[in-house]
Structures are given as structure tokens and as C-alpha cells.
Amino acid sequence: MKKKFLAVMLAATMTLSLCACDLLSKNEEPKEEQIVQEEDVQEKEVQEEPVEKKEVEEVASDENAEVDENADKETSGTVSLADAKAGDIVVFGQYEQDGDGANGSEPIEWEVLEVSGNRVLLISKYVLDCKPYNEQAAAVTWETCTLRTWLNSDFYNTAFNDDEKAKIPEVTLSNPDNDFYGGIEGGNDTNDKVFLLSVEEILKYYGGDWYNADNGYGFCNRLVISATQVAKDNGAYTRDNGSLWWLRSPGLNSNRACDVYEDGCVGWDYSSNVHERKDGIRPAIYVEY
């Protein structure tokens, strides 16, 4: 009887031990699975991080490529000042041109008129802005007109930084009378950094068979110049691809100044009242490099 009792107790003990082991195993399994899952998530995050970083780098690279492409587009067809020769286009300074101030000023493109040693004479490729030759209807010369003051102050300070200003020399300009129409006074010589061309300089740099000296005028396709959006917004008269633009020479009388018409016609009797607000501006400068 005693042996039978011990056998029963031994069997019960083994059964309890097996149940305990089974319960322990069942309780531990979810914990191990949870740890494995957390490790998988951490490993996945580590693996995905370089991918996300790579995508950001690729986007940045694409944006930089777009900026570079736009920069190339803005200066396409231009040359450096050191390599420039007459007829080339160079970039120098910046000025608001497209009428969208939010995107900043645009690089100014210039036509090279003359190269002498390390000095080049430039005139803006486009009509950059529009202002009267003089704010009031009055007898004026280039020396006394308000446009000269604006070019050598507001425009000069807006368009050029300090490094660029250091390359723009002040030059002495002659301002001949208009002898074709009875000697209309051209005024004293002036010292300027920024200026307009005279009729004489137009004939020097653009002259040829197109000019009729007997009639005092002529048509030149190279003088048909487009206006920027800013110039148009400020009142520049345009037709087709051309725009009116001022010269500094006196016109038919002391209340008028010569200009170039939208069809490229220029001459001593082609002039506008000095207070007209339809003529555009093609600044000219010398640059030393």
C-alpha cells in the first residue's frame, strides 16, 4: 500500500513539473518574439535612413542643376571682358528687367562697341528703363538734364556693386552742337561714369551706307532694340521688336533731344520733347579690367 502511494505521488509530481515547464515555455515565447520584432524595426529604420538621405541629396542635386541651367541660359552667348571684341555681348552688373521683383534683379547684358587696351566701351543690349530726358519742359543740355543725374546716381548705385564700380572710370564727354539745324547748343563737356551715346558716336560705331549725310538721317537694323518689361511698364514706346531710346545730342531745338526710333531711324531731326516719357534708356559705360 505504501509503495502504491509513493508511485502515485511520484507520478503527480512529474505531471506538475511538466505543466510548469510548459507554462514557463509559453510565457517566455511572446517575450522573445517581441524582442525580435523590435530588433527588426530598428534594423529596418537604420536601413531606410540612408535611402531617405539619398533621396534628399538627389532632389538637392536636381535643384542645383536647375539653378546652373538657368544661370547658363541667362548668360548664353556672352564672353568675358578679357576676351571681348567689338560686337560681342558681355555681362556686367544687375538691374530689374523682367518686372518680377520677387525673383531679384537680372544680369545686364552689354554690347561691346570698342576695345582699347584693357578698356571696353559698352552699351546695354536692351532698353533697360524709361524716363524723360528732363523732368520739366525746359531748354536743357546733357549737362543740365535730370536723366544725366539719374544715370550717375540712382542707376549707377543700383546696377553695380563696389567691385564693379571700381572698374568704371569717369570719362570726359564732348557734347557738340547740332549744326545740321542751325547750331542748337550741345552744352559744356561733362565728366560721367554712365552716359548716353551722341549722334556722332552712333555714326562712329554703327555708321555705314545706311546713313544719308545730305538728309541727316538713316535707318539701321542694328539700332532696332527691344525693351525690357520694366521699360515697357514705365512707358517706353514699342512697336514690333523695336523701342524708342534717347541719345544725349540736342534735337531740333533746345527743348528737344535726339533719339533713335523703334524702326532704327536716327538723325538730327529725329528728336523728342525733353519731358516726354515714352523714350527708353540704353546706358553706356567704359569698363577697365
C-alpha atoms as a PDB file:
ATOM      1  CA  MET A   1       0.000   0.000   0.000  1.00  0.00           C
ATOM      2  CA  LYS A   2       2.815   2.360   0.880  1.00  0.00           C
ATOM      3  CA  LYS A   3       4.560   1.619  -2.408  1.00  0.00           C
ATOM      4  CA  LYS A   4       1.403   2.311  -4.321  1.00  0.00           C
ATOM      5  CA  PHE A   5       1.019   5.653  -2.593  1.00  0.00           C
ATOM      6  CA  LEU A   6       4.607   6.659  -3.390  1.00  0.00           C
ATOM      7  CA  ALA A   7       4.126   5.735  -7.022  1.00  0.00           C
ATOM      8  CA  VAL A   8       1.022   7.894  -7.246  1.00  0.00           C
ATOM      9  CA  MET A   9       2.821  10.844  -5.605  1.00  0.00           C
ATOM     10  CA  LEU A  10       5.800  10.484  -7.953  1.00  0.00           C
ATOM     11  CA  ALA A  11       3.533  10.487 -10.978  1.00  0.00           C
ATOM     12  CA  ALA A  12       1.706  13.568  -9.751  1.00  0.00           C
ATOM     13  CA  THR A  13       4.976  15.389  -9.109  1.00  0.00           C
ATOM     14  CA  MET A  14       6.248  14.675 -12.626  1.00  0.00           C
ATOM     15  CA  THR A  15       2.952  15.834 -14.101  1.00  0.00           C
ATOM     16  CA  LEU A  16       3.121  19.115 -12.173  1.00  0.00           C
ATOM     17  CA  SER A  17       6.746  19.622 -13.263  1.00  0.00           C
ATOM     18  CA  LEU A  18       5.863  19.106 -16.910  1.00  0.00           C
ATOM     19  CA  CYS A  19       2.924  21.508 -16.649  1.00  0.00           C
ATOM     20  CA  ALA A  20       5.130  24.113 -15.010  1.00  0.00           C
ATOM     21  CA  CYS A  21       7.740  23.762 -17.752  1.00  0.00           C
ATOM     22  CA  ASP A  22       5.048  24.033 -20.368  1.00  0.00           C
ATOM     23  CA  LEU A  23       3.605  27.173 -18.787  1.00  0.00           C
ATOM     24  CA  LEU A  24       7.056  28.711 -18.442  1.00  0.00           C
ATOM     25  CA  SER A  25       7.806  27.977 -22.081  1.00  0.00           C
ATOM     26  CA  LYS A  26       4.515  29.509 -23.184  1.00  0.00           C
ATOM     27  CA  ASN A  27       5.076  32.645 -21.088  1.00  0.00           C
ATOM     28  CA  GLU A  28       8.613  33.214 -22.415  1.00  0.00           C
ATOM     29  CA  GLU A  29       7.883  32.712 -26.108  1.00  0.00           C
ATOM     30  CA  PRO A  30       5.930  36.006 -26.693  1.00  0.00           C
ATOM     31  CA  LYS A  31       8.707  37.992 -24.951  1.00  0.00           C
ATOM     32  CA  GLU A  32      11.360  36.557 -27.239  1.00  0.00           C
ATOM     33  CA  GLU A  33       9.153  37.232 -30.271  1.00  0.00           C
ATOM     34  CA  GLN A  34       8.607  40.841 -29.145  1.00  0.00           C
ATOM     35  CA  ILE A  35      12.335  41.419 -28.801  1.00  0.00           C
ATOM     36  CA  VAL A  36      12.949  40.015 -32.249  1.00  0.00           C
ATOM     37  CA  GLN A  37      10.241  42.258 -33.711  1.00  0.00           C
ATOM     38  CA  GLU A  38      11.712  45.377 -32.054  1.00  0.00           C
ATOM     39  CA  GLU A  39      15.159  44.483 -33.362  1.00  0.00           C
ATOM     40  CA  ASP A  40      13.673  44.041 -36.858  1.00  0.00           C
ATOM     41  CA  VAL A  41      12.059  47.502 -36.688  1.00  0.00           C
ATOM     42  CA  GLN A  42      15.279  49.143 -35.510  1.00  0.00           C
ATOM     43  CA  GLU A  43      17.265  47.383 -38.206  1.00  0.00           C
ATOM     44  CA  LYS A  44      14.680  48.430 -40.828  1.00  0.00           C
ATOM     45  CA  GLU A  45      14.863  52.070 -39.704  1.00  0.00           C
ATOM     46  CA  VAL A  46      18.652  52.017 -39.922  1.00  0.00           C
ATOM     47  CA  GLN A  47      18.452  50.549 -43.401  1.00  0.00           C
ATOM     48  CA  GLU A  48      15.861  53.091 -44.596  1.00  0.00           C
ATOM     49  CA  GLU A  49      17.654  56.183 -43.285  1.00  0.00           C
ATOM     50  CA  PRO A  50      20.377  56.227 -45.973  1.00  0.00           C
ATOM     51  CA  VAL A  51      17.691  55.759 -48.610  1.00  0.00           C
ATOM     52  CA  GLU A  52      15.802  58.845 -47.375  1.00  0.00           C
ATOM     53  CA  LYS A  53      19.047  60.812 -47.191  1.00  0.00           C
ATOM     54  CA  LYS A  54      19.926  59.740 -50.696  1.00  0.00           C
ATOM     55  CA  GLU A  55      16.546  60.913 -51.970  1.00  0.00           C
ATOM     56  CA  VAL A  56      17.079  64.348 -50.351  1.00  0.00           C
ATOM     57  CA  GLU A  57      20.548  64.580 -51.870  1.00  0.00           C
ATOM     58  CA  GLU A  58      19.148  63.688 -55.282  1.00  0.00           C
ATOM     59  CA  VAL A  59      16.471  66.409 -55.008  1.00  0.00           C
ATOM     60  CA  ALA A  60      19.074  68.964 -53.934  1.00  0.00           C
ATOM     61  CA  SER A  61      21.274  67.898 -56.817  1.00  0.00           C
ATOM     62  CA  ASP A  62      18.385  68.329 -59.245  1.00  0.00           C
ATOM     63  CA  GLU A  63      17.634  71.802 -57.858  1.00  0.00           C
ATOM     64  CA  ASN A  64      21.278  72.823 -58.198  1.00  0.00           C
ATOM     65  CA  ALA A  65      21.324  71.528 -61.738  1.00  0.00           C
ATOM     66  CA  GLU A  66      18.249  73.632 -62.500  1.00  0.00           C
ATOM     67  CA  VAL A  67      19.866  76.745 -61.000  1.00  0.00           C
ATOM     68  CA  ASP A  68      23.025  76.155 -63.004  1.00  0.00           C
ATOM     69  CA  GLU A  69      20.977  75.639 -66.146  1.00  0.00           C
ATOM     70  CA  ASN A  70      19.161  78.944 -65.589  1.00  0.00           C
ATOM     71  CA  ALA A  71      22.456  80.710 -64.956  1.00  0.00           C
ATOM     72  CA  ASP A  72      23.843  79.361 -68.218  1.00  0.00           C
ATOM     73  CA  LYS A  73      20.683  80.423 -70.010  1.00  0.00           C
ATOM     74  CA  GLU A  74      20.926  83.962 -68.673  1.00  0.00           C
ATOM     75  CA  THR A  75      24.496  84.381 -69.893  1.00  0.00           C
ATOM     76  CA  SER A  76      24.366  82.242 -73.029  1.00  0.00           C
ATOM     77  CA  GLY A  77      26.253  83.737 -75.965  1.00  0.00           C
ATOM     78  CA  THR A  78      28.310  86.045 -73.761  1.00  0.00           C
ATOM     79  CA  VAL A  79      32.090  86.299 -73.391  1.00  0.00           C
ATOM     80  CA  SER A  80      34.395  87.553 -70.646  1.00  0.00           C
ATOM     81  CA  LEU A  81      35.595  91.151 -70.669  1.00  0.00           C
ATOM     82  CA  ALA A  82      39.162  89.993 -71.180  1.00  0.00           C
ATOM     83  CA  ASP A  83      38.179  88.117 -74.367  1.00  0.00           C
ATOM     84  CA  ALA A  84      35.711  90.696 -75.673  1.00  0.00           C
ATOM     85  CA  LYS A  85      35.891  92.362 -79.054  1.00  0.00           C
ATOM     86  CA  ALA A  86      33.572  94.776 -80.855  1.00  0.00           C
ATOM     87  CA  GLY A  87      30.176  93.201 -81.456  1.00  0.00           C
ATOM     88  CA  ASP A  88      30.407  90.693 -78.590  1.00  0.00           C
ATOM     89  CA  ILE A  89      27.979  90.551 -75.668  1.00  0.00           C
ATOM     90  CA  VAL A  90      29.243  90.637 -72.079  1.00  0.00           C
ATOM     91  CA  VAL A  91      27.525  90.535 -68.683  1.00  0.00           C
ATOM     92  CA  PHE A  92      28.249  93.216 -66.102  1.00  0.00           C
ATOM     93  CA  GLY A  93      26.090  94.391 -63.176  1.00  0.00           C
ATOM     94  CA  GLN A  94      22.435  93.646 -62.443  1.00  0.00           C
ATOM     95  CA  TYR A  95      19.166  95.523 -62.891  1.00  0.00           C
ATOM     96  CA  GLU A  96      15.489  94.676 -62.537  1.00  0.00           C
ATOM     97  CA  GLN A  97      14.270  93.843 -66.041  1.00  0.00           C
ATOM     98  CA  ASP A  98      11.502  91.225 -66.085  1.00  0.00           C
ATOM     99  CA  GLY A  99       9.100  93.181 -63.862  1.00  0.00           C
ATOM    100  CA  ASP A 100       9.084  90.498 -61.164  1.00  0.00           C
ATOM    101  CA  GLY A 101      10.893  91.972 -58.178  1.00  0.00           C
ATOM    102  CA  ALA A 102      10.347  88.788 -56.178  1.00  0.00           C
ATOM    103  CA  ASN A 103      12.953  86.880 -58.209  1.00  0.00           C
ATOM    104  CA  GLY A 104      15.654  89.551 -57.851  1.00  0.00           C
ATOM    105  CA  SER A 105      17.481  91.643 -60.426  1.00  0.00           C
ATOM    106  CA  GLU A 106      18.674  90.179 -63.720  1.00  0.00           C
ATOM    107  CA  PRO A 107      22.254  90.319 -65.108  1.00  0.00           C
ATOM    108  CA  ILE A 108      22.753  93.216 -67.511  1.00  0.00           C
ATOM    109  CA  GLU A 109      23.914  92.237 -70.980  1.00  0.00           C
ATOM    110  CA  TRP A 110      26.025  94.770 -72.869  1.00  0.00           C
ATOM    111  CA  GLU A 111      27.079  95.147 -76.481  1.00  0.00           C
ATOM    112  CA  VAL A 112      30.777  95.835 -76.909  1.00  0.00           C
ATOM    113  CA  LEU A 113      31.309  98.906 -79.106  1.00  0.00           C
ATOM    114  CA  GLU A 114      35.050  99.360 -78.786  1.00  0.00           C
ATOM    115  CA  VAL A 115      38.081  97.739 -77.187  1.00  0.00           C
ATOM    116  CA  SER A 116      41.186  99.792 -76.426  1.00  0.00           C
ATOM    117  CA  GLY A 117      43.870  98.064 -74.373  1.00  0.00           C
ATOM    118  CA  ASN A 118      42.221  96.979 -71.117  1.00  0.00           C
ATOM    119  CA  ARG A 119      39.254  99.336 -71.584  1.00  0.00           C
ATOM    120  CA  VAL A 120      35.965  98.483 -73.297  1.00  0.00           C
ATOM    121  CA  LEU A 121      33.061 100.724 -74.271  1.00  0.00           C
ATOM    122  CA  LEU A 122      29.692  99.097 -73.586  1.00  0.00           C
ATOM    123  CA  ILE A 123      26.056  99.927 -74.312  1.00  0.00           C
ATOM    124  CA  SER A 124      23.187  97.928 -72.862  1.00  0.00           C
ATOM    125  CA  LYS A 125      21.874  95.253 -75.205  1.00  0.00           C
ATOM    126  CA  TYR A 126      18.279  96.178 -74.346  1.00  0.00           C
ATOM    127  CA  VAL A 127      16.381  99.328 -73.456  1.00  0.00           C
ATOM    128  CA  LEU A 128      16.586  98.912 -69.679  1.00  0.00           C
ATOM    129  CA  ASP A 129      14.188 101.550 -68.415  1.00  0.00           C
ATOM    130  CA  CYS A 130      12.117 104.551 -69.439  1.00  0.00           C
ATOM    131  CA  LYS A 131      12.418 108.123 -68.158  1.00  0.00           C
ATOM    132  CA  PRO A 132      12.153 111.641 -69.587  1.00  0.00           C
ATOM    133  CA  TYR A 133      15.317 113.398 -70.682  1.00  0.00           C
ATOM    134  CA  ASN A 134      14.338 116.139 -68.270  1.00  0.00           C
ATOM    135  CA  GLU A 135      11.574 116.172 -65.672  1.00  0.00           C
ATOM    136  CA  GLN A 136      10.376 119.599 -66.795  1.00  0.00           C
ATOM    137  CA  ALA A 137       9.704 121.084 -70.231  1.00  0.00           C
ATOM    138  CA  ALA A 138      12.644 123.465 -70.456  1.00  0.00           C
ATOM    139  CA  ALA A 139      15.685 124.409 -72.522  1.00  0.00           C
ATOM    140  CA  VAL A 140      18.362 121.981 -71.315  1.00  0.00           C
ATOM    141  CA  THR A 141      21.583 120.319 -72.417  1.00  0.00           C
ATOM    142  CA  TRP A 142      23.048 116.960 -71.481  1.00  0.00           C
ATOM    143  CA  GLU A 143      24.978 118.725 -68.709  1.00  0.00           C
ATOM    144  CA  THR A 144      21.832 120.079 -67.040  1.00  0.00           C
ATOM    145  CA  CYS A 145      19.231 117.375 -67.744  1.00  0.00           C
ATOM    146  CA  THR A 146      17.769 115.236 -64.954  1.00  0.00           C
ATOM    147  CA  LEU A 147      18.386 111.972 -66.861  1.00  0.00           C
ATOM    148  CA  ARG A 148      22.148 112.504 -66.578  1.00  0.00           C
ATOM    149  CA  THR A 149      21.787 112.934 -62.812  1.00  0.00           C
ATOM    150  CA  TRP A 150      19.670 109.769 -62.515  1.00  0.00           C
ATOM    151  CA  LEU A 151      22.110 107.660 -64.561  1.00  0.00           C
ATOM    152  CA  ASN A 152      25.119 108.718 -62.477  1.00  0.00           C
ATOM    153  CA  SER A 153      23.379 108.298 -59.129  1.00  0.00           C
ATOM    154  CA  ASP A 154      20.315 106.048 -58.861  1.00  0.00           C
ATOM    155  CA  PHE A 155      21.082 103.753 -61.783  1.00  0.00           C
ATOM    156  CA  TYR A 156      24.812 103.601 -61.039  1.00  0.00           C
ATOM    157  CA  ASN A 157      24.240 102.696 -57.385  1.00  0.00           C
ATOM    158  CA  THR A 158      21.511 100.166 -58.180  1.00  0.00           C
ATOM    159  CA  ALA A 159      23.158  98.351 -61.078  1.00  0.00           C
ATOM    160  CA  PHE A 160      26.731  97.934 -59.804  1.00  0.00           C
ATOM    161  CA  ASN A 161      28.365  96.619 -56.638  1.00  0.00           C
ATOM    162  CA  ASP A 162      31.543  98.102 -55.170  1.00  0.00           C
ATOM    163  CA  ASP A 163      33.870  95.819 -57.144  1.00  0.00           C
ATOM    164  CA  GLU A 164      32.106  96.711 -60.394  1.00  0.00           C
ATOM    165  CA  LYS A 165      32.084 100.425 -59.580  1.00  0.00           C
ATOM    166  CA  ALA A 166      35.849 100.283 -59.140  1.00  0.00           C
ATOM    167  CA  LYS A 167      36.126  99.168 -62.780  1.00  0.00           C
ATOM    168  CA  ILE A 168      34.023 102.019 -64.208  1.00  0.00           C
ATOM    169  CA  PRO A 169      36.158 105.112 -64.858  1.00  0.00           C
ATOM    170  CA  GLU A 170      34.836 108.644 -65.033  1.00  0.00           C
ATOM    171  CA  VAL A 171      35.323 109.919 -68.574  1.00  0.00           C
ATOM    172  CA  THR A 172      35.152 113.345 -70.185  1.00  0.00           C
ATOM    173  CA  LEU A 173      32.498 113.610 -72.891  1.00  0.00           C
ATOM    174  CA  SER A 174      32.203 116.241 -75.582  1.00  0.00           C
ATOM    175  CA  ASN A 175      28.701 117.470 -76.358  1.00  0.00           C
ATOM    176  CA  PRO A 176      28.758 119.045 -79.839  1.00  0.00           C
ATOM    177  CA  ASP A 177      26.113 121.446 -81.082  1.00  0.00           C
ATOM    178  CA  ASN A 178      23.511 120.345 -83.584  1.00  0.00           C
ATOM    179  CA  ASP A 179      24.955 122.179 -86.583  1.00  0.00           C
ATOM    180  CA  PHE A 180      22.616 120.441 -89.010  1.00  0.00           C
ATOM    181  CA  TYR A 181      19.788 122.625 -87.729  1.00  0.00           C
ATOM    182  CA  GLY A 182      21.428 125.952 -87.082  1.00  0.00           C
ATOM    183  CA  GLY A 183      23.777 125.155 -84.244  1.00  0.00           C
ATOM    184  CA  ILE A 184      21.470 124.065 -81.428  1.00  0.00           C
ATOM    185  CA  GLU A 185      23.627 124.209 -78.294  1.00  0.00           C
ATOM    186  CA  GLY A 186      25.028 120.907 -77.080  1.00  0.00           C
ATOM    187  CA  GLY A 187      26.478 122.341 -73.876  1.00  0.00           C
ATOM    188  CA  ASN A 188      29.738 122.010 -71.996  1.00  0.00           C
ATOM    189  CA  ASP A 189      31.909 118.929 -71.785  1.00  0.00           C
ATOM    190  CA  THR A 190      30.868 116.656 -68.914  1.00  0.00           C
ATOM    191  CA  ASN A 191      32.552 114.093 -66.674  1.00  0.00           C
ATOM    192  CA  ASP A 192      30.424 110.978 -66.362  1.00  0.00           C
ATOM    193  CA  LYS A 193      30.584 107.353 -65.352  1.00  0.00           C
ATOM    194  CA  VAL A 194      27.275 106.464 -67.035  1.00  0.00           C
ATOM    195  CA  PHE A 195      26.006 108.285 -70.106  1.00  0.00           C
ATOM    196  CA  LEU A 196      24.055 108.108 -73.365  1.00  0.00           C
ATOM    197  CA  LEU A 197      25.606 107.941 -76.808  1.00  0.00           C
ATOM    198  CA  SER A 198      25.608 111.007 -79.052  1.00  0.00           C
ATOM    199  CA  VAL A 199      24.605 111.075 -82.722  1.00  0.00           C
ATOM    200  CA  GLU A 200      28.296 111.341 -83.593  1.00  0.00           C
ATOM    201  CA  GLU A 201      29.081 108.202 -81.597  1.00  0.00           C
ATOM    202  CA  ILE A 202      26.190 106.345 -83.222  1.00  0.00           C
ATOM    203  CA  LEU A 203      27.689 107.133 -86.621  1.00  0.00           C
ATOM    204  CA  LYS A 204      31.154 106.149 -85.415  1.00  0.00           C
ATOM    205  CA  TYR A 205      30.158 102.735 -84.056  1.00  0.00           C
ATOM    206  CA  TYR A 206      27.168 101.902 -86.265  1.00  0.00           C
ATOM    207  CA  GLY A 207      27.662 104.161 -89.304  1.00  0.00           C
ATOM    208  CA  GLY A 208      27.890 102.963 -92.894  1.00  0.00           C
ATOM    209  CA  ASP A 209      25.954 103.027 -96.112  1.00  0.00           C
ATOM    210  CA  TRP A 210      22.682 103.299 -94.233  1.00  0.00           C
ATOM    211  CA  TYR A 211      23.298 106.935 -93.226  1.00  0.00           C
ATOM    212  CA  ASN A 212      22.406 109.733 -95.683  1.00  0.00           C
ATOM    213  CA  ALA A 213      24.577 112.714 -94.786  1.00  0.00           C
ATOM    214  CA  ASP A 214      22.640 115.044 -97.081  1.00  0.00           C
ATOM    215  CA  ASN A 215      19.336 114.286 -95.375  1.00  0.00           C
ATOM    216  CA  GLY A 216      20.881 113.977 -91.933  1.00  0.00           C
ATOM    217  CA  TYR A 217      19.309 110.633 -91.063  1.00  0.00           C
ATOM    218  CA  GLY A 218      19.249 106.944 -91.941  1.00  0.00           C
ATOM    219  CA  PHE A 219      17.873 103.524 -90.991  1.00  0.00           C
ATOM    220  CA  CYS A 220      19.993 100.856 -89.336  1.00  0.00           C
ATOM    221  CA  ASN A 221      18.683  97.416 -88.368  1.00  0.00           C
ATOM    222  CA  ARG A 222      21.302  97.126 -85.623  1.00  0.00           C
ATOM    223  CA  LEU A 223      19.630 100.060 -83.885  1.00  0.00           C
ATOM    224  CA  VAL A 224      16.290  98.249 -83.595  1.00  0.00           C
ATOM    225  CA  ILE A 225      16.422  97.411 -79.900  1.00  0.00           C
ATOM    226  CA  SER A 226      13.915  95.541 -77.732  1.00  0.00           C
ATOM    227  CA  ALA A 227      12.757  96.935 -74.394  1.00  0.00           C
ATOM    228  CA  THR A 228      12.692  95.070 -71.094  1.00  0.00           C
ATOM    229  CA  GLN A 229       9.389  94.512 -69.327  1.00  0.00           C
ATOM    230  CA  VAL A 230      10.348  97.180 -66.771  1.00  0.00           C
ATOM    231  CA  ALA A 231      10.931  99.716 -69.556  1.00  0.00           C
ATOM    232  CA  LYS A 232       7.544  98.870 -71.060  1.00  0.00           C
ATOM    233  CA  ASP A 233       5.844  99.091 -67.673  1.00  0.00           C
ATOM    234  CA  ASN A 234       7.364 102.550 -67.196  1.00  0.00           C
ATOM    235  CA  GLY A 235       6.014 103.815 -70.521  1.00  0.00           C
ATOM    236  CA  ALA A 236       8.564 103.008 -73.229  1.00  0.00           C
ATOM    237  CA  TYR A 237       7.022 103.189 -76.685  1.00  0.00           C
ATOM    238  CA  THR A 238       7.494  99.923 -78.572  1.00  0.00           C
ATOM    239  CA  ARG A 239       6.397  98.568 -81.923  1.00  0.00           C
ATOM    240  CA  ASP A 240       7.188  95.126 -83.286  1.00  0.00           C
ATOM    241  CA  ASN A 241      10.677  94.365 -81.923  1.00  0.00           C
ATOM    242  CA  GLY A 242      11.831  97.967 -81.548  1.00  0.00           C
ATOM    243  CA  SER A 243      11.642 100.729 -78.969  1.00  0.00           C
ATOM    244  CA  LEU A 244      12.362 104.456 -78.820  1.00  0.00           C
ATOM    245  CA  TRP A 245      15.565 105.317 -76.927  1.00  0.00           C
ATOM    246  CA  TRP A 246      17.333 108.564 -76.021  1.00  0.00           C
ATOM    247  CA  LEU A 247      20.632 109.976 -77.243  1.00  0.00           C
ATOM    248  CA  ARG A 248      22.363 112.834 -75.441  1.00  0.00           C
ATOM    249  CA  SER A 249      22.615 115.139 -78.504  1.00  0.00           C
ATOM    250  CA  PRO A 250      20.388 118.225 -78.852  1.00  0.00           C
ATOM    251  CA  GLY A 251      17.435 117.930 -81.241  1.00  0.00           C
ATOM    252  CA  LEU A 252      15.610 120.420 -83.453  1.00  0.00           C
ATOM    253  CA  ASN A 253      15.684 122.975 -80.648  1.00  0.00           C
ATOM    254  CA  SER A 254      16.884 123.322 -77.072  1.00  0.00           C
ATOM    255  CA  ASN A 255      13.653 121.791 -75.760  1.00  0.00           C
ATOM    256  CA  ARG A 256      14.254 118.549 -77.645  1.00  0.00           C
ATOM    257  CA  ALA A 257      16.863 115.786 -77.574  1.00  0.00           C
ATOM    258  CA  CYS A 258      17.762 113.333 -80.315  1.00  0.00           C
ATOM    259  CA  ASP A 259      16.588 109.745 -80.106  1.00  0.00           C
ATOM    260  CA  VAL A 260      16.554 106.500 -82.069  1.00  0.00           C
ATOM    261  CA  TYR A 261      13.167 105.441 -83.404  1.00  0.00           C
ATOM    262  CA  GLU A 262      11.699 101.976 -82.998  1.00  0.00           C
ATOM    263  CA  ASP A 263      12.439 101.210 -86.671  1.00  0.00           C
ATOM    264  CA  GLY A 264      16.147 102.019 -86.296  1.00  0.00           C
ATOM    265  CA  CYS A 265      15.931 105.510 -87.793  1.00  0.00           C
ATOM    266  CA  VAL A 266      18.275 108.113 -86.335  1.00  0.00           C
ATOM    267  CA  GLY A 267      19.241 111.638 -87.333  1.00  0.00           C
ATOM    268  CA  TRP A 268      19.432 115.265 -86.313  1.00  0.00           C
ATOM    269  CA  ASP A 269      15.747 115.955 -86.829  1.00  0.00           C
ATOM    270  CA  TYR A 270      14.656 112.737 -85.093  1.00  0.00           C
ATOM    271  CA  SER A 271      14.072 114.026 -81.589  1.00  0.00           C
ATOM    272  CA  SER A 272      11.501 114.229 -78.809  1.00  0.00           C
ATOM    273  CA  ASN A 273      10.476 116.847 -76.281  1.00  0.00           C
ATOM    274  CA  VAL A 274      12.803 116.506 -73.322  1.00  0.00           C
ATOM    275  CA  HIS A 275       9.943 115.851 -70.882  1.00  0.00           C
ATOM    276  CA  GLU A 276       8.434 113.038 -72.993  1.00  0.00           C
ATOM    277  CA  ARG A 277       8.023 109.805 -71.024  1.00  0.00           C
ATOM    278  CA  LYS A 278       7.956 107.392 -73.957  1.00  0.00           C
ATOM    279  CA  ASP A 279      11.696 107.197 -74.708  1.00  0.00           C
ATOM    280  CA  GLY A 280      13.723 104.369 -73.255  1.00  0.00           C
ATOM    281  CA  ILE A 281      17.260 104.293 -71.892  1.00  0.00           C
ATOM    282  CA  ARG A 282      20.299 102.384 -73.128  1.00  0.00           C
ATOM    283  CA  PRO A 283      23.067 103.315 -70.677  1.00  0.00           C
ATOM    284  CA  ALA A 284      26.672 103.343 -71.877  1.00  0.00           C
ATOM    285  CA  ILE A 285      29.786 102.847 -69.739  1.00  0.00           C
ATOM    286  CA  TYR A 286      33.501 102.281 -70.028  1.00  0.00           C
ATOM    287  CA  VAL A 287      34.879  99.330 -68.062  1.00  0.00           C
ATOM    288  CA  GLU A 288      38.529  98.690 -67.235  1.00  0.00           C
ATOM    289  CA  TYR A 289      39.621  95.141 -66.368  1.00  0.00           C
END
